[in-house]
Amino acid sequence: QKQLVESGGGLVQAGDSLRLSCLASGLTFSTYAMGWFRQAPA
């Protein structure tokens, strides 16, 4: 099956940096446009 798995999140302080990664499987990755989205509480 097609699967996307995110990693790299965590708790940081204002001004810090993070790098998120998303590993895809079950699909021909180079034929897909990719996006990052977010949802905050409420």
PDB file of all heavy atoms in Angstrom:
ATOM      1  N   GLN A   1       0.826  -1.168   0.000  1.00  0.00           N
ATOM      2  CA  GLN A   1       0.000   0.000   0.000  1.00  0.00           C
ATOM      3  C   GLN A   1       0.882   1.247   0.000  1.00  0.00           C
ATOM      4  O   GLN A   1       2.026   1.203   0.428  1.00  0.00           O
ATOM      5  CB  GLN A   1      -0.934   0.022   1.205  1.00  0.00           C
ATOM      6  CG  GLN A   1      -0.220   0.122   2.527  1.00  0.00           C
ATOM      7  CD  GLN A   1      -1.181   0.183   3.700  1.00  0.00           C
ATOM      8  OE1 GLN A   1      -2.375  -0.086   3.560  1.00  0.00           O
ATOM      9  NE2 GLN A   1      -0.653   0.525   4.860  1.00  0.00           N
ATOM     10  N   LYS A   2       0.309   2.317  -0.456  1.00  0.00           N
ATOM     11  CA  LYS A   2       1.005   3.596  -0.442  1.00  0.00           C
ATOM     12  C   LYS A   2       1.068   4.124   0.987  1.00  0.00           C
ATOM     13  O   LYS A   2       0.068   4.116   1.702  1.00  0.00           O
ATOM     14  CB  LYS A   2       0.311   4.592  -1.352  1.00  0.00           C
ATOM     15  CG  LYS A   2       0.320   4.178  -2.823  1.00  0.00           C
ATOM     16  CD  LYS A   2      -0.430   5.167  -3.677  1.00  0.00           C
ATOM     17  CE  LYS A   2      -0.313   4.806  -5.149  1.00  0.00           C
ATOM     18  NZ  LYS A   2      -0.951   3.490  -5.436  1.00  0.00           N
ATOM     19  N   GLN A   3       2.244   4.589   1.373  1.00  0.00           N
ATOM     20  CA  GLN A   3       2.434   5.024   2.743  1.00  0.00           C
ATOM     21  C   GLN A   3       3.410   6.191   2.786  1.00  0.00           C
ATOM     22  O   GLN A   3       4.421   6.197   2.076  1.00  0.00           O
ATOM     23  CB  GLN A   3       2.954   3.877   3.599  1.00  0.00           C
ATOM     24  CG  GLN A   3       3.028   4.178   5.073  1.00  0.00           C
ATOM     25  CD  GLN A   3       3.419   2.971   5.902  1.00  0.00           C
ATOM     26  OE1 GLN A   3       3.990   2.006   5.394  1.00  0.00           O
ATOM     27  NE2 GLN A   3       3.107   3.014   7.190  1.00  0.00           N
ATOM     28  N   LEU A   4       3.097   7.155   3.637  1.00  0.00           N
ATOM     29  CA  LEU A   4       3.966   8.288   3.899  1.00  0.00           C
ATOM     30  C   LEU A   4       4.206   8.348   5.402  1.00  0.00           C
ATOM     31  O   LEU A   4       3.257   8.300   6.180  1.00  0.00           O
ATOM     32  CB  LEU A   4       3.334   9.597   3.429  1.00  0.00           C
ATOM     33  CG  LEU A   4       2.889   9.669   1.966  1.00  0.00           C
ATOM     34  CD1 LEU A   4       2.132  10.971   1.709  1.00  0.00           C
ATOM     35  CD2 LEU A   4       4.088   9.566   1.038  1.00  0.00           C
ATOM     36  N   VAL A   5       5.464   8.463   5.809  1.00  0.00           N
ATOM     37  CA  VAL A   5       5.820   8.478   7.215  1.00  0.00           C
ATOM     38  C   VAL A   5       6.662   9.702   7.505  1.00  0.00           C
ATOM     39  O   VAL A   5       7.776   9.831   6.990  1.00  0.00           O
ATOM     40  CB  VAL A   5       6.572   7.206   7.629  1.00  0.00           C
ATOM     41  CG1 VAL A   5       6.926   7.266   9.111  1.00  0.00           C
ATOM     42  CG2 VAL A   5       5.733   5.971   7.340  1.00  0.00           C
ATOM     43  N   GLU A   6       6.130  10.585   8.340  1.00  0.00           N
ATOM     44  CA  GLU A   6       6.839  11.798   8.724  1.00  0.00           C
ATOM     45  C   GLU A   6       7.717  11.545   9.938  1.00  0.00           C
ATOM     46  O   GLU A   6       7.405  10.698  10.783  1.00  0.00           O
ATOM     47  CB  GLU A   6       5.859  12.930   9.053  1.00  0.00           C
ATOM     48  CG  GLU A   6       4.911  13.302   7.929  1.00  0.00           C
ATOM     49  CD  GLU A   6       3.566  12.605   8.043  1.00  0.00           C
ATOM     50  OE1 GLU A   6       3.498  11.525   8.681  1.00  0.00           O
ATOM     51  OE2 GLU A   6       2.579  13.138   7.502  1.00  0.00           O
ATOM     52  N   SER A   7       8.787  12.308  10.043  1.00  0.00           N
ATOM     53  CA  SER A   7       9.651  12.258  11.209  1.00  0.00           C
ATOM     54  C   SER A   7      10.341  13.604  11.370  1.00  0.00           C
ATOM     55  O   SER A   7      10.335  14.435  10.463  1.00  0.00           O
ATOM     56  CB  SER A   7      10.686  11.136  11.092  1.00  0.00           C
ATOM     57  OG  SER A   7      11.542  11.344   9.987  1.00  0.00           O
ATOM     58  N   GLY A   8      10.937  13.815  12.532  1.00  0.00           N
ATOM     59  CA  GLY A   8      11.714  15.015  12.774  1.00  0.00           C
ATOM     60  C   GLY A   8      11.061  16.060  13.644  1.00  0.00           C
ATOM     61  O   GLY A   8      11.704  17.066  13.981  1.00  0.00           O
ATOM     62  N   GLY A   9       9.815  15.855  14.019  1.00  0.00           N
ATOM     63  CA  GLY A   9       9.157  16.807  14.888  1.00  0.00           C
ATOM     64  C   GLY A   9       9.695  16.740  16.300  1.00  0.00           C
ATOM     65  O   GLY A   9      10.455  15.842  16.662  1.00  0.00           O
ATOM     66  N   GLY A  10       9.300  17.713  17.099  1.00  0.00           N
ATOM     67  CA  GLY A  10       9.749  17.749  18.472  1.00  0.00           C
ATOM     68  C   GLY A  10       9.413  19.055  19.138  1.00  0.00           C
ATOM     69  O   GLY A  10       8.676  19.879  18.602  1.00  0.00           O
ATOM     70  N   LEU A  11       9.965  19.232  20.328  1.00  0.00           N
ATOM     71  CA  LEU A  11       9.767  20.433  21.124  1.00  0.00           C
ATOM     72  C   LEU A  11      11.008  21.303  21.025  1.00  0.00           C
ATOM     73  O   LEU A  11      12.111  20.855  21.363  1.00  0.00           O
ATOM     74  CB  LEU A  11       9.489  20.060  22.580  1.00  0.00           C
ATOM     75  CG  LEU A  11       9.399  21.207  23.581  1.00  0.00           C
ATOM     76  CD1 LEU A  11       8.238  22.130  23.244  1.00  0.00           C
ATOM     77  CD2 LEU A  11       9.257  20.653  24.992  1.00  0.00           C
ATOM     78  N   VAL A  12      10.830  22.533  20.569  1.00  0.00           N
ATOM     79  CA  VAL A  12      11.937  23.469  20.430  1.00  0.00           C
ATOM     80  C   VAL A  12      11.524  24.828  20.968  1.00  0.00           C
ATOM     81  O   VAL A  12      10.352  25.077  21.241  1.00  0.00           O
ATOM     82  CB  VAL A  12      12.399  23.610  18.968  1.00  0.00           C
ATOM     83  CG1 VAL A  12      12.910  22.276  18.439  1.00  0.00           C
ATOM     84  CG2 VAL A  12      11.268  24.136  18.095  1.00  0.00           C
ATOM     85  N   GLN A  13      12.500  25.702  21.101  1.00  0.00           N
ATOM     86  CA  GLN A  13      12.245  27.064  21.536  1.00  0.00           C
ATOM     87  C   GLN A  13      12.134  28.001  20.340  1.00  0.00           C
ATOM     88  O   GLN A  13      12.643  27.719  19.262  1.00  0.00           O
ATOM     89  CB  GLN A  13      13.352  27.543  22.466  1.00  0.00           C
ATOM     90  CG  GLN A  13      13.433  26.793  23.779  1.00  0.00           C
ATOM     91  CD  GLN A  13      14.480  27.371  24.711  1.00  0.00           C
ATOM     92  OE1 GLN A  13      15.216  28.293  24.357  1.00  0.00           O
ATOM     93  NE2 GLN A  13      14.549  26.837  25.910  1.00  0.00           N
ATOM     94  N   ALA A  14      11.461  29.109  20.559  1.00  0.00           N
ATOM     95  CA  ALA A  14      11.347  30.117  19.512  1.00  0.00           C
ATOM     96  C   ALA A  14      12.727  30.511  19.003  1.00  0.00           C
ATOM     97  O   ALA A  14      13.666  30.706  19.780  1.00  0.00           O
ATOM     98  CB  ALA A  14      10.606  31.334  20.034  1.00  0.00           C
ATOM     99  N   GLY A  15      12.837  30.619  17.693  1.00  0.00           N
ATOM    100  CA  GLY A  15      14.095  30.937  17.055  1.00  0.00           C
ATOM    101  C   GLY A  15      14.889  29.735  16.608  1.00  0.00           C
ATOM    102  O   GLY A  15      15.837  29.884  15.827  1.00  0.00           O
ATOM    103  N   ASP A  16      14.525  28.556  17.075  1.00  0.00           N
ATOM    104  CA  ASP A  16      15.233  27.333  16.706  1.00  0.00           C
ATOM    105  C   ASP A  16      14.822  26.846  15.322  1.00  0.00           C
ATOM    106  O   ASP A  16      13.908  27.388  14.693  1.00  0.00           O
ATOM    107  CB  ASP A  16      14.964  26.236  17.738  1.00  0.00           C
ATOM    108  CG  ASP A  16      15.702  26.445  19.035  1.00  0.00           C
ATOM    109  OD1 ASP A  16      16.565  27.341  19.099  1.00  0.00           O
ATOM    110  OD2 ASP A  16      15.410  25.711  20.002  1.00  0.00           O
ATOM    111  N   SER A  17      15.489  25.796  14.880  1.00  0.00           N
ATOM    112  CA  SER A  17      15.223  25.195  13.584  1.00  0.00           C
ATOM    113  C   SER A  17      14.929  23.714  13.734  1.00  0.00           C
ATOM    114  O   SER A  17      15.395  23.062  14.673  1.00  0.00           O
ATOM    115  CB  SER A  17      16.422  25.369  12.646  1.00  0.00           C
ATOM    116  OG  SER A  17      16.688  26.730  12.378  1.00  0.00           O
ATOM    117  N   LEU A  18      14.158  23.191  12.796  1.00  0.00           N
ATOM    118  CA  LEU A  18      13.890  21.768  12.683  1.00  0.00           C
ATOM    119  C   LEU A  18      13.864  21.395  11.214  1.00  0.00           C
ATOM    120  O   LEU A  18      13.522  22.225  10.368  1.00  0.00           O
ATOM    121  CB  LEU A  18      12.546  21.389  13.300  1.00  0.00           C
ATOM    122  CG  LEU A  18      12.424  21.229  14.810  1.00  0.00           C
ATOM    123  CD1 LEU A  18      10.957  20.991  15.168  1.00  0.00           C
ATOM    124  CD2 LEU A  18      13.282  20.079  15.307  1.00  0.00           C
ATOM    125  N   ARG A  19      14.204  20.152  10.927  1.00  0.00           N
ATOM    126  CA  ARG A  19      14.023  19.620   9.591  1.00  0.00           C
ATOM    127  C   ARG A  19      13.130  18.394   9.663  1.00  0.00           C
ATOM    128  O   ARG A  19      13.481  17.391  10.298  1.00  0.00           O
ATOM    129  CB  ARG A  19      15.354  19.257   8.920  1.00  0.00           C
ATOM    130  CG  ARG A  19      15.167  18.919   7.435  1.00  0.00           C
ATOM    131  CD  ARG A  19      16.453  18.585   6.723  1.00  0.00           C
ATOM    132  NE  ARG A  19      16.910  17.231   7.006  1.00  0.00           N
ATOM    133  CZ  ARG A  19      17.739  16.541   6.226  1.00  0.00           C
ATOM    134  NH1 ARG A  19      18.195  17.093   5.101  1.00  0.00           N
ATOM    135  NH2 ARG A  19      18.125  15.332   6.577  1.00  0.00           N
ATOM    136  N   LEU A  20      11.996  18.482   9.013  1.00  0.00           N
ATOM    137  CA  LEU A  20      11.079  17.361   8.917  1.00  0.00           C
ATOM    138  C   LEU A  20      11.393  16.533   7.680  1.00  0.00           C
ATOM    139  O   LEU A  20      11.805  17.069   6.652  1.00  0.00           O
ATOM    140  CB  LEU A  20       9.636  17.841   8.851  1.00  0.00           C
ATOM    141  CG  LEU A  20       9.161  18.780   9.963  1.00  0.00           C
ATOM    142  CD1 LEU A  20       7.680  19.097   9.768  1.00  0.00           C
ATOM    143  CD2 LEU A  20       9.422  18.181  11.330  1.00  0.00           C
ATOM    144  N   SER A  21      11.176  15.237   7.788  1.00  0.00           N
ATOM    145  CA  SER A  21      11.358  14.327   6.669  1.00  0.00           C
ATOM    146  C   SER A  21      10.091  13.515   6.470  1.00  0.00           C
ATOM    147  O   SER A  21       9.369  13.224   7.424  1.00  0.00           O
ATOM    148  CB  SER A  21      12.531  13.373   6.912  1.00  0.00           C
ATOM    149  OG  SER A  21      13.745  14.074   7.073  1.00  0.00           O
ATOM    150  N   CYS A  22       9.839  13.153   5.240  1.00  0.00           N
ATOM    151  CA  CYS A  22       8.704  12.300   4.905  1.00  0.00           C
ATOM    152  C   CYS A  22       9.190  11.248   3.921  1.00  0.00           C
ATOM    153  O   CYS A  22       9.581  11.580   2.796  1.00  0.00           O
ATOM    154  CB  CYS A  22       7.571  13.127   4.309  1.00  0.00           C
ATOM    155  SG  CYS A  22       6.180  12.159   3.698  1.00  0.00           S
ATOM    156  N   LEU A  23       9.170  10.001   4.347  1.00  0.00           N
ATOM    157  CA  LEU A  23       9.602   8.887   3.523  1.00  0.00           C
ATOM    158  C   LEU A  23       8.389   8.218   2.897  1.00  0.00           C
ATOM    159  O   LEU A  23       7.457   7.825   3.609  1.00  0.00           O
ATOM    160  CB  LEU A  23      10.381   7.877   4.358  1.00  0.00           C
ATOM    161  CG  LEU A  23      10.848   6.607   3.641  1.00  0.00           C
ATOM    162  CD1 LEU A  23      11.823   6.938   2.532  1.00  0.00           C
ATOM    163  CD2 LEU A  23      11.455   5.629   4.633  1.00  0.00           C
ATOM    164  N   ALA A  24       8.405   8.083   1.586  1.00  0.00           N
ATOM    165  CA  ALA A  24       7.300   7.483   0.854  1.00  0.00           C
ATOM    166  C   ALA A  24       7.628   6.045   0.472  1.00  0.00           C
ATOM    167  O   ALA A  24       8.774   5.704   0.187  1.00  0.00           O
ATOM    168  CB  ALA A  24       6.991   8.289  -0.401  1.00  0.00           C
ATOM    169  N   SER A  25       6.606   5.215   0.446  1.00  0.00           N
ATOM    170  CA  SER A  25       6.746   3.840  -0.012  1.00  0.00           C
ATOM    171  C   SER A  25       5.466   3.423  -0.722  1.00  0.00           C
ATOM    172  O   SER A  25       4.400   3.991  -0.497  1.00  0.00           O
ATOM    173  CB  SER A  25       7.049   2.891   1.149  1.00  0.00           C
ATOM    174  OG  SER A  25       6.000   2.898   2.102  1.00  0.00           O
ATOM    175  N   GLY A  26       5.585   2.437  -1.582  1.00  0.00           N
ATOM    176  CA  GLY A  26       4.423   1.934  -2.290  1.00  0.00           C
ATOM    177  C   GLY A  26       3.974   2.779  -3.461  1.00  0.00           C
ATOM    178  O   GLY A  26       2.889   2.533  -4.009  1.00  0.00           O
ATOM    179  N   LEU A  27       4.770   3.752  -3.835  1.00  0.00           N
ATOM    180  CA  LEU A  27       4.450   4.586  -4.983  1.00  0.00           C
ATOM    181  C   LEU A  27       5.729   4.956  -5.721  1.00  0.00           C
ATOM    182  O   LEU A  27       6.823   4.879  -5.157  1.00  0.00           O
ATOM    183  CB  LEU A  27       3.659   5.835  -4.561  1.00  0.00           C
ATOM    184  CG  LEU A  27       4.205   6.699  -3.415  1.00  0.00           C
ATOM    185  CD1 LEU A  27       5.345   7.588  -3.883  1.00  0.00           C
ATOM    186  CD2 LEU A  27       3.096   7.544  -2.815  1.00  0.00           C
ATOM    187  N   THR A  28       5.564   5.352  -6.973  1.00  0.00           N
ATOM    188  CA  THR A  28       6.702   5.839  -7.745  1.00  0.00           C
ATOM    189  C   THR A  28       6.881   7.307  -7.392  1.00  0.00           C
ATOM    190  O   THR A  28       6.225   8.190  -7.953  1.00  0.00           O
ATOM    191  CB  THR A  28       6.469   5.636  -9.240  1.00  0.00           C
ATOM    192  OG1 THR A  28       6.216   4.252  -9.501  1.00  0.00           O
ATOM    193  CG2 THR A  28       7.695   6.067 -10.037  1.00  0.00           C
ATOM    194  N   PHE A  29       7.775   7.562  -6.470  1.00  0.00           N
ATOM    195  CA  PHE A  29       7.860   8.859  -5.811  1.00  0.00           C
ATOM    196  C   PHE A  29       8.038  10.008  -6.792  1.00  0.00           C
ATOM    197  O   PHE A  29       7.440  11.074  -6.627  1.00  0.00           O
ATOM    198  CB  PHE A  29       9.006   8.826  -4.799  1.00  0.00           C
ATOM    199  CG  PHE A  29       9.155  10.077  -3.991  1.00  0.00           C
ATOM    200  CD1 PHE A  29       8.225  10.407  -3.020  1.00  0.00           C
ATOM    201  CD2 PHE A  29      10.230  10.919  -4.198  1.00  0.00           C
ATOM    202  CE1 PHE A  29       8.362  11.559  -2.268  1.00  0.00           C
ATOM    203  CE2 PHE A  29      10.384  12.073  -3.445  1.00  0.00           C
ATOM    204  CZ  PHE A  29       9.447  12.393  -2.480  1.00  0.00           C
ATOM    205  N   SER A  30       8.853   9.803  -7.816  1.00  0.00           N
ATOM    206  CA  SER A  30       9.176  10.886  -8.735  1.00  0.00           C
ATOM    207  C   SER A  30       8.005  11.311  -9.611  1.00  0.00           C
ATOM    208  O   SER A  30       8.106  12.318 -10.313  1.00  0.00           O
ATOM    209  CB  SER A  30      10.360  10.495  -9.626  1.00  0.00           C
ATOM    210  OG  SER A  30      10.045   9.371 -10.421  1.00  0.00           O
ATOM    211  N   THR A  31       6.901  10.578  -9.598  1.00  0.00           N
ATOM    212  CA  THR A  31       5.720  10.946 -10.366  1.00  0.00           C
ATOM    213  C   THR A  31       4.681  11.685  -9.530  1.00  0.00           C
ATOM    214  O   THR A  31       3.580  11.942 -10.017  1.00  0.00           O
ATOM    215  CB  THR A  31       5.068   9.709 -11.008  1.00  0.00           C
ATOM    216  OG1 THR A  31       4.554   8.839  -9.994  1.00  0.00           O
ATOM    217  CG2 THR A  31       6.076   8.956 -11.867  1.00  0.00           C
ATOM    218  N   TYR A  32       5.021  12.032  -8.306  1.00  0.00           N
ATOM    219  CA  TYR A  32       4.091  12.700  -7.409  1.00  0.00           C
ATOM    220  C   TYR A  32       4.593  14.082  -7.017  1.00  0.00           C
ATOM    221  O   TYR A  32       5.758  14.254  -6.646  1.00  0.00           O
ATOM    222  CB  TYR A  32       3.889  11.877  -6.134  1.00  0.00           C
ATOM    223  CG  TYR A  32       3.026  10.661  -6.329  1.00  0.00           C
ATOM    224  CD1 TYR A  32       3.530   9.528  -6.948  1.00  0.00           C
ATOM    225  CD2 TYR A  32       1.703  10.659  -5.901  1.00  0.00           C
ATOM    226  CE1 TYR A  32       2.732   8.413  -7.143  1.00  0.00           C
ATOM    227  CE2 TYR A  32       0.907   9.544  -6.086  1.00  0.00           C
ATOM    228  CZ  TYR A  32       1.423   8.428  -6.704  1.00  0.00           C
ATOM    229  OH  TYR A  32       0.621   7.324  -6.887  1.00  0.00           O
ATOM    230  N   ALA A  33       3.696  15.053  -7.104  1.00  0.00           N
ATOM    231  CA  ALA A  33       3.930  16.299  -6.401  1.00  0.00           C
ATOM    232  C   ALA A  33       3.754  16.049  -4.907  1.00  0.00           C
ATOM    233  O   ALA A  33       2.953  15.209  -4.500  1.00  0.00           O
ATOM    234  CB  ALA A  33       2.966  17.382  -6.880  1.00  0.00           C
ATOM    235  N   MET A  34       4.507  16.768  -4.098  1.00  0.00           N
ATOM    236  CA  MET A  34       4.480  16.554  -2.659  1.00  0.00           C
ATOM    237  C   MET A  34       4.197  17.861  -1.944  1.00  0.00           C
ATOM    238  O   MET A  34       4.580  18.934  -2.405  1.00  0.00           O
ATOM    239  CB  MET A  34       5.813  15.989  -2.167  1.00  0.00           C
ATOM    240  CG  MET A  34       6.206  14.659  -2.779  1.00  0.00           C
ATOM    241  SD  MET A  34       5.076  13.313  -2.321  1.00  0.00           S
ATOM    242  CE  MET A  34       5.277  13.294  -0.533  1.00  0.00           C
ATOM    243  N   GLY A  35       3.562  17.748  -0.801  1.00  0.00           N
ATOM    244  CA  GLY A  35       3.255  18.935  -0.023  1.00  0.00           C
ATOM    245  C   GLY A  35       3.394  18.698   1.465  1.00  0.00           C
ATOM    246  O   GLY A  35       3.336  17.561   1.945  1.00  0.00           O
ATOM    247  N   TRP A  36       3.612  19.789   2.183  1.00  0.00           N
ATOM    248  CA  TRP A  36       3.573  19.807   3.634  1.00  0.00           C
ATOM    249  C   TRP A  36       2.392  20.658   4.073  1.00  0.00           C
ATOM    250  O   TRP A  36       2.168  21.749   3.543  1.00  0.00           O
ATOM    251  CB  TRP A  36       4.861  20.373   4.233  1.00  0.00           C
ATOM    252  CG  TRP A  36       6.015  19.430   4.184  1.00  0.00           C
ATOM    253  CD1 TRP A  36       7.019  19.393   3.279  1.00  0.00           C
ATOM    254  CD2 TRP A  36       6.282  18.376   5.119  1.00  0.00           C
ATOM    255  NE1 TRP A  36       7.903  18.389   3.572  1.00  0.00           N
ATOM    256  CE2 TRP A  36       7.471  17.746   4.697  1.00  0.00           C
ATOM    257  CE3 TRP A  36       5.637  17.897   6.258  1.00  0.00           C
ATOM    258  CZ2 TRP A  36       8.032  16.666   5.378  1.00  0.00           C
ATOM    259  CZ3 TRP A  36       6.183  16.825   6.943  1.00  0.00           C
ATOM    260  CH2 TRP A  36       7.373  16.226   6.500  1.00  0.00           C
ATOM    261  N   PHE A  37       1.670  20.169   5.060  1.00  0.00           N
ATOM    262  CA  PHE A  37       0.492  20.826   5.594  1.00  0.00           C
ATOM    263  C   PHE A  37       0.567  20.783   7.113  1.00  0.00           C
ATOM    264  O   PHE A  37       1.309  19.982   7.675  1.00  0.00           O
ATOM    265  CB  PHE A  37      -0.779  20.130   5.093  1.00  0.00           C
ATOM    266  CG  PHE A  37      -0.841  20.020   3.598  1.00  0.00           C
ATOM    267  CD1 PHE A  37      -0.168  19.008   2.936  1.00  0.00           C
ATOM    268  CD2 PHE A  37      -1.554  20.938   2.855  1.00  0.00           C
ATOM    269  CE1 PHE A  37      -0.206  18.904   1.559  1.00  0.00           C
ATOM    270  CE2 PHE A  37      -1.602  20.848   1.471  1.00  0.00           C
ATOM    271  CZ  PHE A  37      -0.928  19.836   0.822  1.00  0.00           C
ATOM    272  N   ARG A  38      -0.186  21.638   7.758  1.00  0.00           N
ATOM    273  CA  ARG A  38      -0.173  21.624   9.218  1.00  0.00           C
ATOM    274  C   ARG A  38      -1.555  21.947   9.762  1.00  0.00           C
ATOM    275  O   ARG A  38      -2.367  22.603   9.112  1.00  0.00           O
ATOM    276  CB  ARG A  38       0.859  22.609   9.775  1.00  0.00           C
ATOM    277  CG  ARG A  38       0.546  24.074   9.525  1.00  0.00           C
ATOM    278  CD  ARG A  38       1.698  24.948  10.006  1.00  0.00           C
ATOM    279  NE  ARG A  38       1.430  26.365   9.822  1.00  0.00           N
ATOM    280  CZ  ARG A  38       2.317  27.328  10.040  1.00  0.00           C
ATOM    281  NH1 ARG A  38       3.545  27.022  10.460  1.00  0.00           N
ATOM    282  NH2 ARG A  38       1.990  28.596   9.851  1.00  0.00           N
ATOM    283  N   GLN A  39      -1.782  21.457  10.970  1.00  0.00           N
ATOM    284  CA  GLN A  39      -3.045  21.708  11.644  1.00  0.00           C
ATOM    285  C   GLN A  39      -2.778  21.971  13.121  1.00  0.00           C
ATOM    286  O   GLN A  39      -2.261  21.103  13.823  1.00  0.00           O
ATOM    287  CB  GLN A  39      -4.007  20.538  11.480  1.00  0.00           C
ATOM    288  CG  GLN A  39      -5.392  20.819  12.023  1.00  0.00           C
ATOM    289  CD  GLN A  39      -6.414  19.802  11.565  1.00  0.00           C
ATOM    290  OE1 GLN A  39      -6.059  18.724  11.093  1.00  0.00           O
ATOM    291  NE2 GLN A  39      -7.676  20.139  11.683  1.00  0.00           N
ATOM    292  N   ALA A  40      -3.134  23.157  13.556  1.00  0.00           N
ATOM    293  CA  ALA A  40      -3.027  23.534  14.949  1.00  0.00           C
ATOM    294  C   ALA A  40      -4.339  23.226  15.660  1.00  0.00           C
ATOM    295  O   ALA A  40      -5.385  23.106  15.014  1.00  0.00           O
ATOM    296  CB  ALA A  40      -2.687  25.017  15.074  1.00  0.00           C
ATOM    297  N   PRO A  41      -4.318  23.100  16.988  1.00  0.00           N
ATOM    298  CA  PRO A  41      -5.561  22.833  17.718  1.00  0.00           C
ATOM    299  C   PRO A  41      -6.634  23.861  17.407  1.00  0.00           C
ATOM    300  O   PRO A  41      -6.374  25.062  17.376  1.00  0.00           O
ATOM    301  CB  PRO A  41      -5.127  22.908  19.182  1.00  0.00           C
ATOM    302  CG  PRO A  41      -3.680  22.545  19.165  1.00  0.00           C
ATOM    303  CD  PRO A  41      -3.148  23.139  17.890  1.00  0.00           C
ATOM    304  N   ALA A  42      -7.828  23.370  17.152  1.00  0.00           N
ATOM    305  CA  ALA A  42      -8.998  24.208  16.896  1.00  0.00           C
ATOM    306  C   ALA A  42      -8.891  25.027  15.615  1.00  0.00           C
ATOM    307  O   ALA A  42      -9.644  25.978  15.428  1.00  0.00           O
ATOM    308  CB  ALA A  42      -9.283  25.121  18.080  1.00  0.00           C
TER     309      ALA A  42
END
